[in-house]
Amino acid sequence: MAKLNKKEKHLVGVTTVGEKGQIVIPADIRAALKLGKGTKLMVVAHDQGIFLMRPAALESMANRFGALQALIKKFK
């Protein structure tokens, strides 16, 4: 089973889009990130692909970027 530690910030797996558009997150990644049945993930699309994040994590990241944008505007 894969495990995330302080030095390793990511895991990589491969999945395939099924007939109904579904994907399966590899078991070792689900275990390492504690993704169980019913876990909600937001699907964020980008021109090169998608990424999945827990809503709270995405909100936290957006807040940090918002603070960074305010700081950039301050020094322009």
C-alpha atoms as a PDB file:
ATOM      1  CA  MET A   1       0.000   0.000   0.000  1.00  0.00           C
ATOM      2  CA  ALA A   2       1.317   3.448  -0.906  1.00  0.00           C
ATOM      3  CA  LYS A   3       1.793   5.938   1.889  1.00  0.00           C
ATOM      4  CA  LEU A   4       2.329   9.686   1.679  1.00  0.00           C
ATOM      5  CA  ASN A   5       4.990  11.219   3.876  1.00  0.00           C
ATOM      6  CA  LYS A   6       6.435  14.722   4.273  1.00  0.00           C
ATOM      7  CA  LYS A   7       8.993  14.221   1.512  1.00  0.00           C
ATOM      8  CA  GLU A   8       6.582  12.542  -0.913  1.00  0.00           C
ATOM      9  CA  LYS A   9       3.815  14.981  -1.775  1.00  0.00           C
ATOM     10  CA  HIS A  10       2.126  12.982  -4.520  1.00  0.00           C
ATOM     11  CA  LEU A  11       1.275   9.568  -5.822  1.00  0.00           C
ATOM     12  CA  VAL A  12       0.745   8.687  -9.449  1.00  0.00           C
ATOM     13  CA  GLY A  13      -1.621   6.078 -10.789  1.00  0.00           C
ATOM     14  CA  VAL A  14      -3.261   5.262 -14.082  1.00  0.00           C
ATOM     15  CA  THR A  15      -6.955   4.818 -14.683  1.00  0.00           C
ATOM     16  CA  THR A  16      -9.179   4.419 -17.720  1.00  0.00           C
ATOM     17  CA  VAL A  17     -12.449   6.166 -18.488  1.00  0.00           C
ATOM     18  CA  GLY A  18     -15.148   3.523 -18.714  1.00  0.00           C
ATOM     19  CA  GLU A  19     -18.131   3.249 -21.017  1.00  0.00           C
ATOM     20  CA  LYS A  20     -20.287   5.420 -18.724  1.00  0.00           C
ATOM     21  CA  GLY A  21     -17.544   8.016 -18.168  1.00  0.00           C
ATOM     22  CA  GLN A  22     -16.553   6.594 -14.794  1.00  0.00           C
ATOM     23  CA  ILE A  23     -13.012   6.243 -13.500  1.00  0.00           C
ATOM     24  CA  VAL A  24     -11.585   4.172 -10.665  1.00  0.00           C
ATOM     25  CA  ILE A  25      -9.032   5.769  -8.356  1.00  0.00           C
ATOM     26  CA  PRO A  26      -6.290   3.167  -7.740  1.00  0.00           C
ATOM     27  CA  ALA A  27      -6.674   1.381  -4.398  1.00  0.00           C
ATOM     28  CA  ASP A  28      -3.285   2.452  -3.009  1.00  0.00           C
ATOM     29  CA  ILE A  29      -4.118   6.113  -3.640  1.00  0.00           C
ATOM     30  CA  ARG A  30      -7.586   5.730  -2.081  1.00  0.00           C
ATOM     31  CA  ALA A  31      -6.003   4.162   0.988  1.00  0.00           C
ATOM     32  CA  ALA A  32      -3.214   6.738   1.324  1.00  0.00           C
ATOM     33  CA  LEU A  33      -5.683   9.633   1.023  1.00  0.00           C
ATOM     34  CA  LYS A  34      -8.381   7.916   3.086  1.00  0.00           C
ATOM     35  CA  LEU A  35     -10.942   8.135   0.281  1.00  0.00           C
ATOM     36  CA  GLY A  36     -13.825   5.887   1.233  1.00  0.00           C
ATOM     37  CA  LYS A  37     -17.283   5.212  -0.092  1.00  0.00           C
ATOM     38  CA  GLY A  38     -19.236   8.464  -0.162  1.00  0.00           C
ATOM     39  CA  THR A  39     -16.193  10.767  -0.102  1.00  0.00           C
ATOM     40  CA  LYS A  40     -17.074  13.901  -2.066  1.00  0.00           C
ATOM     41  CA  LEU A  41     -14.514  15.168  -4.570  1.00  0.00           C
ATOM     42  CA  MET A  42     -14.756  18.212  -6.783  1.00  0.00           C
ATOM     43  CA  VAL A  43     -13.818  17.715 -10.429  1.00  0.00           C
ATOM     44  CA  VAL A  44     -11.931  20.709 -11.770  1.00  0.00           C
ATOM     45  CA  ALA A  45     -11.372  20.904 -15.516  1.00  0.00           C
ATOM     46  CA  HIS A  46      -8.391  22.569 -17.148  1.00  0.00           C
ATOM     47  CA  ASP A  47      -7.588  22.779 -20.823  1.00  0.00           C
ATOM     48  CA  GLN A  48      -5.108  19.909 -20.423  1.00  0.00           C
ATOM     49  CA  GLY A  49      -7.154  17.634 -18.167  1.00  0.00           C
ATOM     50  CA  ILE A  50      -8.875  17.400 -14.801  1.00  0.00           C
ATOM     51  CA  PHE A  51      -7.988  17.087 -11.150  1.00  0.00           C
ATOM     52  CA  LEU A  52      -9.979  15.879  -8.160  1.00  0.00           C
ATOM     53  CA  MET A  53      -9.908  17.470  -4.707  1.00  0.00           C
ATOM     54  CA  ARG A  54     -11.923  17.421  -1.525  1.00  0.00           C
ATOM     55  CA  PRO A  55     -14.085  20.586  -1.436  1.00  0.00           C
ATOM     56  CA  ALA A  56     -12.477  21.827   1.817  1.00  0.00           C
ATOM     57  CA  ALA A  57      -8.976  21.413   0.380  1.00  0.00           C
ATOM     58  CA  LEU A  58      -9.946  23.264  -2.778  1.00  0.00           C
ATOM     59  CA  GLU A  59     -11.506  26.053  -0.726  1.00  0.00           C
ATOM     60  CA  SER A  60      -8.344  26.333   1.377  1.00  0.00           C
ATOM     61  CA  MET A  61      -6.195  26.524  -1.758  1.00  0.00           C
ATOM     62  CA  ALA A  62      -8.475  29.177  -3.283  1.00  0.00           C
ATOM     63  CA  ASN A  63      -8.204  31.246  -0.091  1.00  0.00           C
ATOM     64  CA  ARG A  64      -4.412  31.059  -0.191  1.00  0.00           C
ATOM     65  CA  PHE A  65      -4.383  32.119  -3.840  1.00  0.00           C
ATOM     66  CA  GLY A  66      -6.788  34.943  -3.019  1.00  0.00           C
ATOM     67  CA  ALA A  67      -4.417  36.180  -0.312  1.00  0.00           C
ATOM     68  CA  LEU A  68      -1.520  35.902  -2.747  1.00  0.00           C
ATOM     69  CA  GLN A  69      -3.435  37.877  -5.398  1.00  0.00           C
ATOM     70  CA  ALA A  70      -4.136  40.631  -2.872  1.00  0.00           C
ATOM     71  CA  LEU A  71      -0.462  40.767  -1.972  1.00  0.00           C
ATOM     72  CA  ILE A  72       0.559  40.945  -5.653  1.00  0.00           C
ATOM     73  CA  LYS A  73      -1.891  43.838  -6.247  1.00  0.00           C
ATOM     74  CA  LYS A  74      -0.457  45.643  -3.240  1.00  0.00           C
ATOM     75  CA  PHE A  75       3.050  45.584  -4.705  1.00  0.00           C
ATOM     76  CA  LYS A  76       2.168  46.396  -8.331  1.00  0.00           C
END
